[in-house]
Amino acid sequence: MKQMASDINNQLFTTVKQLPSDFEPFGERSRETDWGPDCSCGCKHFLKLRGSLGYDWGVCANPKSPRAGLLTFEHQGCKKFEDKQA
């Protein structure tokens, strides 16, 4: 079962769209010079996938984000982060 989850996770990495606005290594945005929170920090627009894939994967539902409507790994990030707590 663990191997199957790993295989699915690897398949998602090969199909996820990578944008220049994503954090390195997915895009060109540097965590050192252009730091900001990513989806794993609790973005209210990050809709997690069901099951164990939801620990790392979701879909961006922020219409202002370049990742809007896209499958997203939680550490890809974008500058349109909005905290769930706000």
N, C-alpha and C. Protein backbone atom coordinates (compact mmCIF):
# COMPACT_ATOMS: atom_id res chain seq x y z
N MET A 1 0.82 -1.19 0.00
CA MET A 1 0.00 0.00 0.00
C MET A 1 0.87 1.26 0.00
N LYS A 2 1.94 1.24 0.78
CA LYS A 2 2.84 2.39 0.85
C LYS A 2 3.50 2.63 -0.51
N GLN A 3 3.86 1.55 -1.21
CA GLN A 3 4.48 1.67 -2.53
C GLN A 3 3.50 2.28 -3.52
N MET A 4 2.22 1.91 -3.44
CA MET A 4 1.22 2.45 -4.35
C MET A 4 1.09 3.96 -4.14
N ALA A 5 1.06 4.41 -2.89
CA ALA A 5 0.97 5.85 -2.61
C ALA A 5 2.19 6.57 -3.15
N SER A 6 3.35 5.96 -3.01
CA SER A 6 4.59 6.55 -3.52
C SER A 6 4.54 6.66 -5.05
N ASP A 7 4.03 5.63 -5.71
CA ASP A 7 3.91 5.63 -7.17
C ASP A 7 2.97 6.73 -7.64
N ILE A 8 1.84 6.89 -6.96
CA ILE A 8 0.89 7.94 -7.33
C ILE A 8 1.52 9.31 -7.11
N ASN A 9 2.19 9.48 -5.98
CA ASN A 9 2.87 10.74 -5.68
C ASN A 9 3.89 11.07 -6.78
N ASN A 10 4.68 10.10 -7.18
CA ASN A 10 5.67 10.31 -8.24
C ASN A 10 5.00 10.65 -9.57
N GLN A 11 3.87 10.01 -9.86
CA GLN A 11 3.15 10.31 -11.09
C GLN A 11 2.63 11.74 -11.07
N LEU A 12 2.13 12.20 -9.93
CA LEU A 12 1.66 13.57 -9.83
C LEU A 12 2.79 14.55 -10.07
N PHE A 13 3.98 14.25 -9.55
CA PHE A 13 5.13 15.13 -9.79
C PHE A 13 5.48 15.23 -11.27
N THR A 14 5.25 14.17 -12.02
CA THR A 14 5.58 14.23 -13.45
C THR A 14 4.52 14.96 -14.26
N THR A 15 3.31 15.11 -13.71
CA THR A 15 2.24 15.76 -14.46
C THR A 15 1.91 17.18 -13.99
N VAL A 16 2.34 17.56 -12.78
CA VAL A 16 1.99 18.87 -12.25
C VAL A 16 2.64 19.97 -13.09
N LYS A 17 1.87 21.00 -13.38
CA LYS A 17 2.39 22.13 -14.16
C LYS A 17 3.28 22.99 -13.27
N GLN A 18 4.47 23.28 -13.75
CA GLN A 18 5.41 24.12 -13.01
C GLN A 18 5.46 25.49 -13.67
N LEU A 19 5.34 26.54 -12.84
CA LEU A 19 5.32 27.91 -13.34
C LEU A 19 6.54 28.68 -12.84
N PRO A 20 6.99 29.68 -13.58
CA PRO A 20 8.13 30.48 -13.12
C PRO A 20 7.87 31.11 -11.74
N SER A 21 6.62 31.40 -11.41
CA SER A 21 6.29 32.03 -10.12
C SER A 21 6.31 31.06 -8.95
N ASP A 22 6.49 29.77 -9.20
CA ASP A 22 6.61 28.77 -8.13
C ASP A 22 7.97 28.89 -7.47
N PHE A 23 8.04 28.46 -6.21
CA PHE A 23 9.33 28.38 -5.53
C PHE A 23 10.23 27.34 -6.19
N GLU A 24 11.53 27.59 -6.14
CA GLU A 24 12.52 26.59 -6.58
C GLU A 24 12.32 25.34 -5.72
N PRO A 25 12.48 24.17 -6.23
CA PRO A 25 12.98 23.79 -7.54
C PRO A 25 11.89 23.66 -8.59
N PHE A 26 10.66 24.04 -8.25
CA PHE A 26 9.54 23.89 -9.19
C PHE A 26 9.47 25.04 -10.19
N GLY A 27 9.89 26.23 -9.75
CA GLY A 27 9.87 27.41 -10.60
C GLY A 27 11.13 28.22 -10.37
N GLU A 28 11.02 29.53 -10.57
CA GLU A 28 12.19 30.41 -10.49
C GLU A 28 12.23 31.25 -9.22
N ARG A 29 11.21 31.19 -8.39
CA ARG A 29 11.14 32.01 -7.19
C ARG A 29 12.04 31.46 -6.10
N SER A 30 12.91 32.31 -5.58
CA SER A 30 13.87 31.91 -4.55
C SER A 30 13.28 32.08 -3.15
N ARG A 31 13.42 31.08 -2.32
CA ARG A 31 12.97 31.19 -0.93
C ARG A 31 13.88 32.13 -0.14
N GLU A 32 15.09 32.32 -0.59
CA GLU A 32 16.03 33.19 0.11
C GLU A 32 15.80 34.66 -0.20
N THR A 33 15.58 35.00 -1.47
CA THR A 33 15.46 36.41 -1.84
C THR A 33 14.02 36.87 -2.04
N ASP A 34 13.07 35.95 -2.15
CA ASP A 34 11.67 36.30 -2.37
C ASP A 34 10.79 35.43 -1.48
N TRP A 35 11.16 35.41 -0.19
CA TRP A 35 10.47 34.53 0.74
C TRP A 35 9.01 34.91 0.90
N GLY A 36 8.21 33.92 1.17
CA GLY A 36 6.80 34.09 1.48
C GLY A 36 6.24 32.73 1.82
N PRO A 37 5.06 32.69 2.42
CA PRO A 37 4.46 31.40 2.77
C PRO A 37 4.04 30.64 1.52
N ASP A 38 4.00 29.32 1.65
CA ASP A 38 3.47 28.50 0.57
C ASP A 38 2.18 27.85 1.05
N CYS A 39 1.57 27.04 0.24
CA CYS A 39 0.28 26.43 0.58
C CYS A 39 0.31 25.63 1.87
N SER A 40 1.46 25.05 2.21
CA SER A 40 1.57 24.25 3.42
C SER A 40 1.42 25.09 4.68
N CYS A 41 1.48 26.41 4.54
CA CYS A 41 1.36 27.32 5.69
C CYS A 41 -0.10 27.67 5.98
N GLY A 42 -1.03 27.07 5.26
CA GLY A 42 -2.44 27.27 5.54
C GLY A 42 -3.15 28.27 4.65
N CYS A 43 -2.88 28.23 3.37
CA CYS A 43 -3.59 29.12 2.45
C CYS A 43 -5.06 28.71 2.37
N LYS A 44 -5.94 29.69 2.52
CA LYS A 44 -7.37 29.38 2.51
C LYS A 44 -7.88 28.94 1.14
N HIS A 45 -7.09 29.13 0.10
CA HIS A 45 -7.49 28.75 -1.25
C HIS A 45 -6.95 27.38 -1.68
N PHE A 46 -6.16 26.74 -0.82
CA PHE A 46 -5.58 25.44 -1.16
C PHE A 46 -6.56 24.35 -0.76
N LEU A 47 -7.19 23.73 -1.74
CA LEU A 47 -8.17 22.68 -1.50
C LEU A 47 -7.47 21.33 -1.59
N LYS A 48 -7.30 20.70 -0.45
CA LYS A 48 -6.54 19.44 -0.40
C LYS A 48 -7.27 18.31 -1.11
N LEU A 49 -6.49 17.43 -1.75
CA LEU A 49 -7.05 16.23 -2.34
C LEU A 49 -7.50 15.30 -1.21
N ARG A 50 -8.37 14.41 -1.53
CA ARG A 50 -8.87 13.45 -0.53
C ARG A 50 -7.80 12.42 -0.17
N GLY A 51 -7.95 11.85 1.00
CA GLY A 51 -7.08 10.78 1.44
C GLY A 51 -5.67 11.25 1.75
N SER A 52 -4.75 10.32 1.72
CA SER A 52 -3.37 10.63 2.10
C SER A 52 -2.69 11.58 1.12
N LEU A 53 -3.16 11.66 -0.13
CA LEU A 53 -2.57 12.61 -1.07
C LEU A 53 -2.78 14.04 -0.61
N GLY A 54 -3.81 14.28 0.18
CA GLY A 54 -4.11 15.60 0.70
C GLY A 54 -3.08 16.15 1.67
N TYR A 55 -2.18 15.29 2.13
CA TYR A 55 -1.10 15.78 3.00
C TYR A 55 -0.15 16.68 2.20
N ASP A 56 -0.04 16.45 0.90
CA ASP A 56 0.92 17.17 0.06
C ASP A 56 0.31 17.85 -1.16
N TRP A 57 -0.86 17.41 -1.59
CA TRP A 57 -1.41 17.84 -2.87
C TRP A 57 -2.79 18.45 -2.73
N GLY A 58 -3.07 19.41 -3.61
CA GLY A 58 -4.38 20.02 -3.65
C GLY A 58 -4.57 20.76 -4.96
N VAL A 59 -5.61 21.57 -4.99
CA VAL A 59 -5.91 22.41 -6.15
C VAL A 59 -6.04 23.84 -5.64
N CYS A 60 -5.48 24.77 -6.37
CA CYS A 60 -5.58 26.18 -6.01
C CYS A 60 -6.92 26.73 -6.49
N ALA A 61 -7.66 27.34 -5.57
CA ALA A 61 -8.96 27.91 -5.91
C ALA A 61 -8.97 29.43 -5.83
N ASN A 62 -7.78 30.05 -5.87
CA ASN A 62 -7.68 31.51 -5.80
C ASN A 62 -7.66 32.06 -7.22
N PRO A 63 -8.70 32.77 -7.64
CA PRO A 63 -8.72 33.28 -9.02
C PRO A 63 -7.64 34.31 -9.30
N LYS A 64 -7.01 34.86 -8.26
CA LYS A 64 -5.94 35.84 -8.43
C LYS A 64 -4.56 35.19 -8.58
N SER A 65 -4.49 33.89 -8.36
CA SER A 65 -3.22 33.18 -8.39
C SER A 65 -2.90 32.64 -9.78
N PRO A 66 -1.61 32.64 -10.14
CA PRO A 66 -1.24 32.00 -11.41
C PRO A 66 -1.49 30.49 -11.38
N ARG A 67 -1.67 29.90 -10.18
CA ARG A 67 -1.92 28.47 -10.04
C ARG A 67 -3.41 28.16 -9.99
N ALA A 68 -4.27 29.14 -10.20
CA ALA A 68 -5.72 28.95 -10.11
C ALA A 68 -6.18 27.78 -10.97
N GLY A 69 -6.91 26.86 -10.33
CA GLY A 69 -7.45 25.70 -11.03
C GLY A 69 -6.46 24.59 -11.31
N LEU A 70 -5.24 24.74 -10.83
CA LEU A 70 -4.19 23.76 -11.13
C LEU A 70 -3.91 22.83 -9.96
N LEU A 71 -3.60 21.58 -10.30
CA LEU A 71 -3.03 20.67 -9.32
C LEU A 71 -1.79 21.33 -8.76
N THR A 72 -1.63 21.30 -7.42
CA THR A 72 -0.53 22.03 -6.79
C THR A 72 0.09 21.20 -5.67
N PHE A 73 1.40 21.10 -5.68
CA PHE A 73 2.14 20.52 -4.56
C PHE A 73 2.24 21.62 -3.51
N GLU A 74 2.06 21.29 -2.25
CA GLU A 74 1.94 22.29 -1.19
C GLU A 74 3.13 23.24 -1.05
N HIS A 75 4.28 22.90 -1.59
CA HIS A 75 5.46 23.76 -1.45
C HIS A 75 5.79 24.55 -2.72
N GLN A 76 4.91 24.51 -3.73
CA GLN A 76 5.15 25.30 -4.94
C GLN A 76 4.98 26.78 -4.66
N GLY A 77 3.94 27.14 -3.94
CA GLY A 77 3.72 28.52 -3.52
C GLY A 77 3.35 29.49 -4.61
N CYS A 78 2.88 30.66 -4.18
CA CYS A 78 2.63 31.79 -5.07
C CYS A 78 2.50 33.03 -4.20
N LYS A 79 2.55 34.18 -4.81
CA LYS A 79 2.49 35.45 -4.05
C LYS A 79 1.07 35.83 -3.63
N LYS A 80 0.09 35.06 -3.99
CA LYS A 80 -1.31 35.37 -3.66
C LYS A 80 -1.81 34.60 -2.45
N PHE A 81 -0.91 34.08 -1.61
CA PHE A 81 -1.24 33.37 -0.39
C PHE A 81 -2.18 34.21 0.48
N GLU A 82 -3.22 33.57 1.03
CA GLU A 82 -4.10 34.21 2.00
C GLU A 82 -4.30 33.24 3.16
N ASP A 83 -3.97 33.68 4.35
CA ASP A 83 -4.02 32.84 5.55
C ASP A 83 -5.46 32.47 5.92
N LYS A 84 -5.67 31.20 6.27
CA LYS A 84 -6.99 30.74 6.72
C LYS A 84 -7.44 31.48 7.96
N GLN A 85 -6.48 31.89 8.79
CA GLN A 85 -6.78 32.51 10.07
C GLN A 85 -7.21 33.97 9.93
N ALA A 86 -6.93 34.59 8.78
CA ALA A 86 -7.23 36.03 8.61
C ALA A 86 -8.69 36.29 8.35
